[in-house]
Amino acid sequence: MSEDLHTRVRMPQALHDKIEAVRRDTGRSFTAEVVARLERTFTEDAVKGSELDALRASLRWLEGRLLTLESKVNGLENPLSNAERLLKL
């Protein structure tokens, strides 16, 4: 069985007051509220990391699509320029 460590932490009074107010609403002890909030930040960081990886992959895909579309647009511009010139004649 693992034993919980006792740690002293300094914090601003305003933060202490916020935690105290929330812990009353949740029914947790002050320590349990602090631990729950700290654990949640690590979970959120992990999720953000995986979401960031997915966003980077999407961005790479979109950049590739943009290059493809730019190439297609550039290919259409030349025939249009030639057609416009022919119509002016």
Protein backbone atom coordinates (compact mmCIF):
# COMPACT_ATOMS: atom_id res chain seq x y z
CA MET A 1 0.00 0.00 0.00
CA SER A 2 1.43 3.39 -0.94
CA GLU A 3 1.56 6.07 1.68
CA ASP A 4 0.55 9.63 0.90
CA LEU A 5 3.27 12.22 1.37
CA HIS A 6 2.70 15.32 3.45
CA THR A 7 3.70 18.46 1.57
CA ARG A 8 3.49 22.08 2.58
CA VAL A 9 2.64 24.53 -0.18
CA ARG A 10 2.58 28.30 -0.04
CA MET A 11 -0.16 29.97 -2.02
CA PRO A 12 -1.82 33.36 -2.23
CA GLN A 13 -4.72 33.88 0.15
CA ALA A 14 -7.08 34.51 -2.78
CA LEU A 15 -6.27 31.09 -4.28
CA HIS A 16 -6.68 29.41 -0.90
CA ASP A 17 -10.09 31.07 -0.55
CA LYS A 18 -11.17 29.84 -4.00
CA ILE A 19 -10.15 26.27 -3.23
CA GLU A 20 -11.88 26.45 0.13
CA ALA A 21 -15.12 27.67 -1.47
CA VAL A 22 -15.07 24.97 -4.16
CA ARG A 23 -14.19 22.20 -1.73
CA ARG A 24 -17.23 23.08 0.34
CA ASP A 25 -19.41 22.72 -2.78
CA THR A 26 -17.85 19.38 -3.75
CA GLY A 27 -17.79 18.01 -0.22
CA ARG A 28 -14.09 17.20 -0.47
CA SER A 29 -11.39 17.99 2.04
CA PHE A 30 -9.06 20.84 1.14
CA THR A 31 -6.30 18.34 0.31
CA ALA A 32 -8.62 16.16 -1.78
CA GLU A 33 -9.72 19.21 -3.78
CA VAL A 34 -6.13 20.27 -4.46
CA VAL A 35 -5.14 16.72 -5.46
CA ALA A 36 -8.17 16.33 -7.74
CA ARG A 37 -7.40 19.61 -9.47
CA LEU A 38 -3.72 18.77 -9.92
CA GLU A 39 -4.53 15.34 -11.33
CA ARG A 40 -7.03 16.91 -13.74
CA THR A 41 -4.35 19.26 -15.11
CA PHE A 42 -2.11 16.29 -16.00
CA THR A 43 -4.99 14.56 -17.78
CA GLU A 44 -5.88 17.76 -19.64
CA ASP A 45 -2.24 18.27 -20.65
CA ALA A 46 -2.12 14.75 -22.11
CA VAL A 47 -5.35 15.34 -24.04
CA LYS A 48 -4.11 18.68 -25.30
CA GLY A 49 -0.92 17.01 -26.50
CA SER A 50 -2.80 14.39 -28.51
CA GLU A 51 -5.20 17.02 -29.85
CA LEU A 52 -2.22 19.13 -30.87
CA ASP A 53 -0.73 16.18 -32.76
CA ALA A 54 -4.04 15.67 -34.58
CA LEU A 55 -4.24 19.37 -35.44
CA ARG A 56 -0.69 19.32 -36.80
CA ALA A 57 -1.53 16.33 -39.01
CA SER A 58 -4.65 18.13 -40.26
CA LEU A 59 -2.63 21.25 -40.97
CA ARG A 60 -0.09 19.26 -43.00
CA TRP A 61 -2.95 17.70 -45.00
CA LEU A 62 -4.53 21.12 -45.59
CA GLU A 63 -1.21 22.58 -46.70
CA GLY A 64 -0.89 19.76 -49.24
CA ARG A 65 -4.43 20.36 -50.52
CA LEU A 66 -3.72 24.09 -50.78
CA LEU A 67 -0.63 23.45 -52.90
CA THR A 68 -2.64 21.11 -55.14
CA LEU A 69 -5.43 23.66 -55.56
CA GLU A 70 -2.97 26.49 -56.22
CA SER A 71 -1.39 24.37 -58.93
CA LYS A 72 -4.78 23.70 -60.51
CA VAL A 73 -5.74 27.39 -60.36
CA ASN A 74 -2.44 28.38 -61.94
CA GLY A 75 -3.06 25.82 -64.68
CA LEU A 76 -6.46 27.40 -65.37
CA GLU A 77 -5.16 30.97 -65.44
CA ASN A 78 -2.99 30.48 -68.52
CA PRO A 79 -5.77 29.14 -70.77
CA LEU A 80 -8.07 31.92 -69.56
CA SER A 81 -5.45 34.54 -70.38
CA ASN A 82 -5.06 33.07 -73.85
CA ALA A 83 -8.85 32.96 -74.32
CA GLU A 84 -9.18 36.59 -73.20
CA ARG A 85 -6.51 37.65 -75.63
CA LEU A 86 -8.23 35.79 -78.46
CA LEU A 87 -11.57 37.39 -77.65
CA LYS A 88 -10.07 40.88 -77.78
CA LEU A 89 -8.78 40.30 -81.30
